Amino acid sequence: MNPRVKCLWLPGLLTFAICMILLEVCQRFGPPPLVLNLEHPPVLLFYTRWLLTLPLAGAIGAYLSQRAGGSLRTVLLASIFPVLPFGVVFLIAIPAGLLLSRVLTHHVVAASFLNLMAGWVVAPGIALLVGGLLVHLVASRRSMARRAAAS
């Protein structure tokens, strides 16, 4: 099997699956999302329980990537893998929405897309990255302890 598949794609897709399952569980059984009404149209939605479980999902992806021999960049990329598709969609949707919207004013469309990006890319990305960084810190301390014990 290709090292890129073992170090990035399999851990990343597993992290993505775990995140989506956790989101579905939180939507069905958890409390309603936290709604921040900033202005008239823009609204920020945060599934707080889902955001609190995302570091675990990021840690699982980072651990599997590190165990497969991934570099630090690959390990952290595998941990934030679930937000990458959302980020690409929003990077395409923002310009397309601005170009194609004739009914809404441009500031409403831009503000809505930026709020969606904050709620679905930035906040989950930070939570996933926290889990990936924790795995990296624990693994680096373990390797330092092994080196010290060996010498």
Protein backbone atom coordinates (compact mmCIF):
# COMPACT_ATOMS: atom_id res chain seq x y z
CA MET A 1 0.00 0.00 0.00
CA ASN A 2 1.19 3.49 -0.84
CA PRO A 3 2.62 5.38 2.19
CA ARG A 4 0.42 8.38 1.41
CA VAL A 5 -2.67 6.17 1.67
CA LYS A 6 -1.53 4.67 4.98
CA CYS A 7 -0.39 7.95 6.52
CA LEU A 8 -2.97 10.42 5.21
CA TRP A 9 -5.99 9.04 3.39
CA LEU A 10 -7.03 6.17 5.66
CA PRO A 11 -6.60 8.10 8.93
CA GLY A 12 -8.17 11.19 7.38
CA LEU A 13 -11.19 9.36 6.03
CA LEU A 14 -11.65 7.55 9.34
CA THR A 15 -11.50 10.90 11.13
CA PHE A 16 -14.06 12.29 8.67
CA ALA A 17 -16.39 9.33 9.30
CA ILE A 18 -16.05 9.68 13.07
CA CYS A 19 -16.78 13.42 12.87
CA MET A 20 -19.89 12.92 10.77
CA ILE A 21 -21.17 10.14 13.06
CA LEU A 22 -20.57 12.34 16.10
CA LEU A 23 -22.38 15.22 14.41
CA GLU A 24 -25.38 13.02 13.66
CA VAL A 25 -25.47 11.73 17.24
CA CYS A 26 -25.23 15.26 18.62
CA GLN A 27 -27.98 16.48 16.28
CA ARG A 28 -30.34 13.66 17.25
CA PHE A 29 -29.69 13.28 20.97
CA GLY A 30 -27.88 16.42 22.05
CA PRO A 31 -29.17 19.86 22.89
CA PRO A 32 -30.02 22.28 20.08
CA PRO A 33 -27.10 24.23 18.63
CA LEU A 34 -25.93 27.47 20.14
CA VAL A 35 -27.28 30.23 17.91
CA LEU A 36 -25.52 33.57 17.82
CA ASN A 37 -27.65 36.13 16.02
CA LEU A 38 -25.18 38.81 14.99
CA GLU A 39 -27.30 40.94 12.67
CA HIS A 40 -30.49 40.48 10.71
CA PRO A 41 -29.48 37.73 8.22
CA PRO A 42 -26.13 36.39 9.49
CA VAL A 43 -26.43 33.71 12.15
CA LEU A 44 -23.69 31.56 13.65
CA LEU A 45 -24.58 27.99 14.64
CA PHE A 46 -22.32 26.04 16.96
CA TYR A 47 -22.99 22.46 17.99
CA THR A 48 -21.13 22.77 21.26
CA ARG A 49 -21.24 19.09 22.19
CA TRP A 50 -19.93 18.18 18.74
CA LEU A 51 -17.14 20.73 19.04
CA LEU A 52 -16.21 19.27 22.43
CA THR A 53 -15.94 15.75 20.97
CA LEU A 54 -13.89 16.79 17.93
CA PRO A 55 -10.51 16.77 19.71
CA LEU A 56 -11.02 13.04 20.30
CA ALA A 57 -11.67 12.48 16.59
CA GLY A 58 -8.63 14.57 15.65
CA ALA A 59 -6.51 12.63 18.13
CA ILE A 60 -7.61 9.30 16.62
CA GLY A 61 -6.68 10.45 13.11
CA ALA A 62 -3.35 11.86 14.27
CA TYR A 63 -2.51 8.71 16.23
CA LEU A 64 -3.24 6.44 13.26
CA SER A 65 -1.23 8.65 10.94
CA GLN A 66 1.70 8.82 13.32
CA ARG A 67 1.58 5.08 13.90
CA ALA A 68 1.75 4.57 10.12
CA GLY A 69 4.93 6.65 10.01
CA GLY A 70 3.58 10.00 8.89
CA SER A 71 5.55 13.22 9.24
CA LEU A 72 4.34 16.01 11.53
CA ARG A 73 2.66 17.78 8.61
CA THR A 74 0.89 14.59 7.53
CA VAL A 75 -0.18 13.80 11.09
CA LEU A 76 -1.71 17.25 11.56
CA LEU A 77 -3.30 17.15 8.11
CA ALA A 78 -4.90 13.79 8.92
CA SER A 79 -6.28 15.26 12.13
CA ILE A 80 -7.95 18.25 10.40
CA PHE A 81 -8.97 16.26 7.31
CA PRO A 82 -12.75 16.53 7.93
CA VAL A 83 -12.81 20.31 7.55
CA LEU A 84 -10.90 20.32 4.26
CA PRO A 85 -13.92 19.41 2.08
CA PHE A 86 -16.01 22.07 3.81
CA GLY A 87 -13.25 24.61 3.30
CA VAL A 88 -13.04 23.84 -0.41
CA VAL A 89 -16.81 24.11 -0.77
CA PHE A 90 -16.86 27.48 0.94
CA LEU A 91 -13.91 28.77 -1.05
CA ILE A 92 -15.82 27.90 -4.22
CA ALA A 93 -19.24 28.93 -2.89
CA ILE A 94 -18.25 32.41 -1.74
CA PRO A 95 -17.16 33.67 -5.17
CA ALA A 96 -19.93 31.75 -6.93
CA GLY A 97 -22.54 33.14 -4.55
CA LEU A 98 -21.28 36.66 -5.06
CA LEU A 99 -21.29 36.27 -8.84
CA LEU A 100 -24.63 34.51 -9.15
CA SER A 101 -26.72 36.30 -6.54
CA ARG A 102 -28.83 38.95 -8.13
CA VAL A 103 -31.60 39.03 -5.55
CA LEU A 104 -29.51 39.51 -2.40
CA THR A 105 -27.07 42.27 -1.84
CA HIS A 106 -23.42 41.32 -1.88
CA HIS A 107 -22.73 42.17 1.75
CA VAL A 108 -25.50 39.79 2.92
CA VAL A 109 -24.18 36.90 0.82
CA ALA A 110 -20.58 37.49 1.86
CA ALA A 111 -21.50 37.80 5.54
CA SER A 112 -23.58 34.62 5.43
CA PHE A 113 -20.82 32.61 3.77
CA LEU A 114 -18.20 33.93 6.17
CA ASN A 115 -20.41 33.01 9.14
CA LEU A 116 -20.94 29.53 7.73
CA MET A 117 -17.20 29.19 7.22
CA ALA A 118 -16.56 30.18 10.83
CA GLY A 119 -19.08 27.64 12.13
CA TRP A 120 -18.20 24.72 9.83
CA VAL A 121 -14.50 25.19 9.04
CA VAL A 122 -12.67 27.39 11.52
CA ALA A 123 -14.17 26.26 14.84
CA PRO A 124 -14.16 22.51 14.01
CA GLY A 125 -10.68 22.86 12.50
CA ILE A 126 -9.34 24.34 15.71
CA ALA A 127 -10.99 21.61 17.77
CA LEU A 128 -9.58 18.85 15.54
CA LEU A 129 -6.14 20.45 15.54
CA VAL A 130 -6.12 20.50 19.35
CA GLY A 131 -6.55 16.72 19.37
CA GLY A 132 -3.82 16.27 16.75
CA LEU A 133 -1.38 18.49 18.63
CA LEU A 134 -2.03 16.63 21.89
CA VAL A 135 -1.21 13.31 20.22
CA HIS A 136 1.96 14.79 18.77
CA LEU A 137 3.05 16.18 22.14
CA VAL A 138 2.40 12.89 23.94
CA ALA A 139 4.22 10.91 21.26
CA SER A 140 7.21 13.24 21.25
CA ARG A 141 7.50 13.04 25.04
CA ARG A 142 7.34 9.25 24.91
CA SER A 143 10.07 9.10 22.30
CA MET A 144 12.24 11.48 24.37
CA ALA A 145 11.72 9.28 27.44
CA ARG A 146 12.67 6.16 25.46
CA ARG A 147 15.83 7.84 24.18
CA ALA A 148 16.78 8.92 27.68
CA ALA A 149 16.18 5.42 29.06
CA ALA A 150 18.22 3.85 26.25
CA SER A 151 21.27 6.05 26.90
